[in-house]
Every structure is written in C-alpha cells, then in structure tokens.
Amino acid sequence: MRDDLPSDLERLLTLRTWHALWLDRIDRKITAVRQREAEAERGRQRRPPEPDWMVELGIGVGRPPIELHTGGCYAAGKRRRPVDRDEARRLLASGLRACRHCRPDRHLGIFD
C-alpha cells in the first residue's frame, strides 16, 4: 500500500484541520439543502387544491369575465377566479367563450 501522506506531524495536523473545515462546510450545506427541501414540501402540502373550473377576467371596471377554463389549463391568464360547476354552465349558456385548449364546454357536456 502506498502512503502518500506527509511523514511529519505539523503537515498532518494542517491537513486534518483543512479537511475538518471542508467537512464542516459540507455539513452546513447539507443542512441548508435539507431545510430548503422540507420547506418546499410543506409549501406543496399547504397549497390549496386546484379548482375544477375558473373564469378568466378582463381588464377595467368590474373586470368582466372573458373566457372559461378547466382548473389545470395552461392557457388561463393571471386574472382569474374559481367558479363551481353550476356557475360555469351558466356562464357558458350566457355566451361566455370556452377556452379552445382545455375545452371546458365538452367537460360540462355543453355542445354547440
């Protein structure tokens, strides 16, 4: 077996100190990453459930509804609010546009 460590005590103690500092640094990073992952998991668990239906709202006075989406639609804008099934059907029946991507009208059984 090849021994590539220095033979004198002073250099061995210096190497030990250097490695101890690195281990401490690595341990602190591990702790920080575990804490960040735990916080992210708590955030996922506390996130409210996605609504089944949502209405996208326009800009201006009263923020009128402009389009209906299913809850997980990627095309929905940032201005939106959740609606229940009955309100979604009522909005579509009153002429509100259904999203062309998620097709909430088909999910609700409303066909043109």
C-alpha atoms as a PDB file:
ATOM      1  CA  MET A   1       0.000   0.000   0.000  1.00  0.00           C
ATOM      2  CA  ARG A   2       1.326   3.381  -0.983  1.00  0.00           C
ATOM      3  CA  ASP A   3       1.394   6.080   1.694  1.00  0.00           C
ATOM      4  CA  ASP A   4       1.134   9.493   0.059  1.00  0.00           C
ATOM      5  CA  LEU A   5       0.621  11.466   3.258  1.00  0.00           C
ATOM      6  CA  PRO A   6       3.402  13.607   4.720  1.00  0.00           C
ATOM      7  CA  SER A   7       5.500  11.998   7.405  1.00  0.00           C
ATOM      8  CA  ASP A   8       5.806  14.971   9.774  1.00  0.00           C
ATOM      9  CA  LEU A   9       3.218  15.802  12.427  1.00  0.00           C
ATOM     10  CA  GLU A  10       2.890  19.509  11.578  1.00  0.00           C
ATOM     11  CA  ARG A  11       1.771  18.904   7.994  1.00  0.00           C
ATOM     12  CA  LEU A  12      -0.536  16.052   9.034  1.00  0.00           C
ATOM     13  CA  LEU A  13      -2.250  18.343  11.563  1.00  0.00           C
ATOM     14  CA  THR A  14      -2.572  21.055   8.896  1.00  0.00           C
ATOM     15  CA  LEU A  15      -4.226  18.587   6.510  1.00  0.00           C
ATOM     16  CA  ARG A  16      -6.549  17.402   9.264  1.00  0.00           C
ATOM     17  CA  THR A  17      -7.600  20.994  10.043  1.00  0.00           C
ATOM     18  CA  TRP A  18      -8.143  21.749   6.363  1.00  0.00           C
ATOM     19  CA  HIS A  19     -10.314  18.654   5.891  1.00  0.00           C
ATOM     20  CA  ALA A  20     -12.244  19.353   9.085  1.00  0.00           C
ATOM     21  CA  LEU A  21     -13.073  22.833   7.744  1.00  0.00           C
ATOM     22  CA  TRP A  22     -14.269  21.326   4.462  1.00  0.00           C
ATOM     23  CA  LEU A  23     -16.407  18.736   6.276  1.00  0.00           C
ATOM     24  CA  ASP A  24     -17.980  21.485   8.370  1.00  0.00           C
ATOM     25  CA  ARG A  25     -18.704  23.496   5.225  1.00  0.00           C
ATOM     26  CA  ILE A  26     -20.230  20.451   3.506  1.00  0.00           C
ATOM     27  CA  ASP A  27     -22.341  19.629   6.585  1.00  0.00           C
ATOM     28  CA  ARG A  28     -23.712  23.197   6.695  1.00  0.00           C
ATOM     29  CA  LYS A  29     -24.629  22.981   3.015  1.00  0.00           C
ATOM     30  CA  ILE A  30     -26.358  19.621   3.550  1.00  0.00           C
ATOM     31  CA  THR A  31     -28.377  21.143   6.398  1.00  0.00           C
ATOM     32  CA  ALA A  32     -29.375  24.134   4.256  1.00  0.00           C
ATOM     33  CA  VAL A  33     -30.443  21.931   1.331  1.00  0.00           C
ATOM     34  CA  ARG A  34     -32.480  19.644   3.612  1.00  0.00           C
ATOM     35  CA  GLN A  35     -34.186  22.670   5.148  1.00  0.00           C
ATOM     36  CA  ARG A  36     -34.972  24.139   1.709  1.00  0.00           C
ATOM     37  CA  GLU A  37     -36.404  20.799   0.517  1.00  0.00           C
ATOM     38  CA  ALA A  38     -38.518  20.464   3.690  1.00  0.00           C
ATOM     39  CA  GLU A  39     -39.888  23.998   3.224  1.00  0.00           C
ATOM     40  CA  ALA A  40     -40.745  23.254  -0.405  1.00  0.00           C
ATOM     41  CA  GLU A  41     -42.561  20.077   0.620  1.00  0.00           C
ATOM     42  CA  ARG A  42     -44.543  21.945   3.301  1.00  0.00           C
ATOM     43  CA  GLY A  43     -45.479  24.511   0.653  1.00  0.00           C
ATOM     44  CA  ARG A  44     -46.710  21.775  -1.705  1.00  0.00           C
ATOM     45  CA  GLN A  45     -48.772  20.200   1.080  1.00  0.00           C
ATOM     46  CA  ARG A  46     -50.341  23.523   2.119  1.00  0.00           C
ATOM     47  CA  ARG A  47     -51.157  24.677  -1.429  1.00  0.00           C
ATOM     48  CA  PRO A  48     -54.919  24.896  -1.877  1.00  0.00           C
ATOM     49  CA  PRO A  49     -56.424  22.373  -4.284  1.00  0.00           C
ATOM     50  CA  GLU A  50     -56.796  23.406  -7.889  1.00  0.00           C
ATOM     51  CA  PRO A  51     -60.389  24.423  -8.755  1.00  0.00           C
ATOM     52  CA  ASP A  52     -62.349  22.352 -11.264  1.00  0.00           C
ATOM     53  CA  TRP A  53     -63.327  25.477 -13.231  1.00  0.00           C
ATOM     54  CA  MET A  54     -62.047  29.010 -13.437  1.00  0.00           C
ATOM     55  CA  VAL A  55     -63.092  32.123 -15.257  1.00  0.00           C
ATOM     56  CA  GLU A  56     -60.515  34.446 -16.769  1.00  0.00           C
ATOM     57  CA  LEU A  57     -61.268  38.084 -16.029  1.00  0.00           C
ATOM     58  CA  GLY A  58     -60.837  41.075 -18.280  1.00  0.00           C
ATOM     59  CA  ILE A  59     -59.298  44.453 -17.543  1.00  0.00           C
ATOM     60  CA  GLY A  60     -61.222  47.508 -16.497  1.00  0.00           C
ATOM     61  CA  VAL A  61     -64.245  48.443 -14.459  1.00  0.00           C
ATOM     62  CA  GLY A  62     -65.863  45.377 -12.962  1.00  0.00           C
ATOM     63  CA  ARG A  63     -63.318  43.052 -14.567  1.00  0.00           C
ATOM     64  CA  PRO A  64     -65.854  41.237 -16.766  1.00  0.00           C
ATOM     65  CA  PRO A  65     -65.365  37.528 -17.445  1.00  0.00           C
ATOM     66  CA  ILE A  66     -63.821  36.838 -20.857  1.00  0.00           C
ATOM     67  CA  GLU A  67     -63.185  33.084 -21.010  1.00  0.00           C
ATOM     68  CA  LEU A  68     -63.907  29.876 -19.092  1.00  0.00           C
ATOM     69  CA  HIS A  69     -61.179  27.288 -18.392  1.00  0.00           C
ATOM     70  CA  THR A  70     -60.816  23.951 -16.653  1.00  0.00           C
ATOM     71  CA  GLY A  71     -58.826  24.102 -13.422  1.00  0.00           C
ATOM     72  CA  GLY A  72     -55.482  22.992 -14.819  1.00  0.00           C
ATOM     73  CA  CYS A  73     -55.497  24.894 -18.095  1.00  0.00           C
ATOM     74  CA  TYR A  74     -52.092  26.266 -19.036  1.00  0.00           C
ATOM     75  CA  ALA A  75     -53.660  28.933 -21.271  1.00  0.00           C
ATOM     76  CA  ALA A  76     -55.538  30.731 -18.487  1.00  0.00           C
ATOM     77  CA  GLY A  77     -54.278  34.213 -17.742  1.00  0.00           C
ATOM     78  CA  LYS A  78     -53.257  35.551 -14.346  1.00  0.00           C
ATOM     79  CA  ARG A  79     -56.518  37.408 -13.709  1.00  0.00           C
ATOM     80  CA  ARG A  80     -58.898  34.613 -12.809  1.00  0.00           C
ATOM     81  CA  ARG A  81     -61.187  33.309 -10.133  1.00  0.00           C
ATOM     82  CA  PRO A  82     -62.527  29.842  -9.344  1.00  0.00           C
ATOM     83  CA  VAL A  83     -66.171  29.020 -10.130  1.00  0.00           C
ATOM     84  CA  ASP A  84     -68.305  25.990  -9.336  1.00  0.00           C
ATOM     85  CA  ARG A  85     -69.874  23.705 -11.931  1.00  0.00           C
ATOM     86  CA  ASP A  86     -73.251  25.441 -11.903  1.00  0.00           C
ATOM     87  CA  GLU A  87     -71.754  28.899 -12.426  1.00  0.00           C
ATOM     88  CA  ALA A  88     -69.509  27.554 -15.189  1.00  0.00           C
ATOM     89  CA  ARG A  89     -72.534  26.110 -17.009  1.00  0.00           C
ATOM     90  CA  ARG A  90     -74.468  29.359 -16.502  1.00  0.00           C
ATOM     91  CA  LEU A  91     -71.568  31.437 -17.875  1.00  0.00           C
ATOM     92  CA  LEU A  92     -71.271  29.246 -20.969  1.00  0.00           C
ATOM     93  CA  ALA A  93     -75.035  29.344 -21.506  1.00  0.00           C
ATOM     94  CA  SER A  94     -74.935  33.152 -21.337  1.00  0.00           C
ATOM     95  CA  GLY A  95     -72.409  33.223 -24.195  1.00  0.00           C
ATOM     96  CA  LEU A  96     -69.054  33.289 -22.439  1.00  0.00           C
ATOM     97  CA  ARG A  97     -66.285  31.916 -24.668  1.00  0.00           C
ATOM     98  CA  ALA A  98     -64.885  28.483 -23.781  1.00  0.00           C
ATOM     99  CA  CYS A  99     -61.120  28.037 -23.934  1.00  0.00           C
ATOM    100  CA  ARG A 100     -60.034  26.336 -27.161  1.00  0.00           C
ATOM    101  CA  HIS A 101     -57.217  24.493 -25.392  1.00  0.00           C
ATOM    102  CA  CYS A 102     -58.907  22.827 -22.416  1.00  0.00           C
ATOM    103  CA  ARG A 103     -62.478  22.767 -23.829  1.00  0.00           C
ATOM    104  CA  PRO A 104     -64.490  23.211 -20.603  1.00  0.00           C
ATOM    105  CA  ASP A 105     -67.722  23.090 -22.628  1.00  0.00           C
ATOM    106  CA  ARG A 106     -67.027  19.472 -23.537  1.00  0.00           C
ATOM    107  CA  HIS A 107     -66.223  18.589 -19.919  1.00  0.00           C
ATOM    108  CA  LEU A 108     -69.509  20.162 -18.859  1.00  0.00           C
ATOM    109  CA  GLY A 109     -71.481  18.377 -21.580  1.00  0.00           C
ATOM    110  CA  ILE A 110     -72.394  21.573 -23.440  1.00  0.00           C
ATOM    111  CA  PHE A 111     -72.063  21.193 -27.191  1.00  0.00           C
ATOM    112  CA  ASP A 112     -72.662  23.884 -29.790  1.00  0.00           C
END
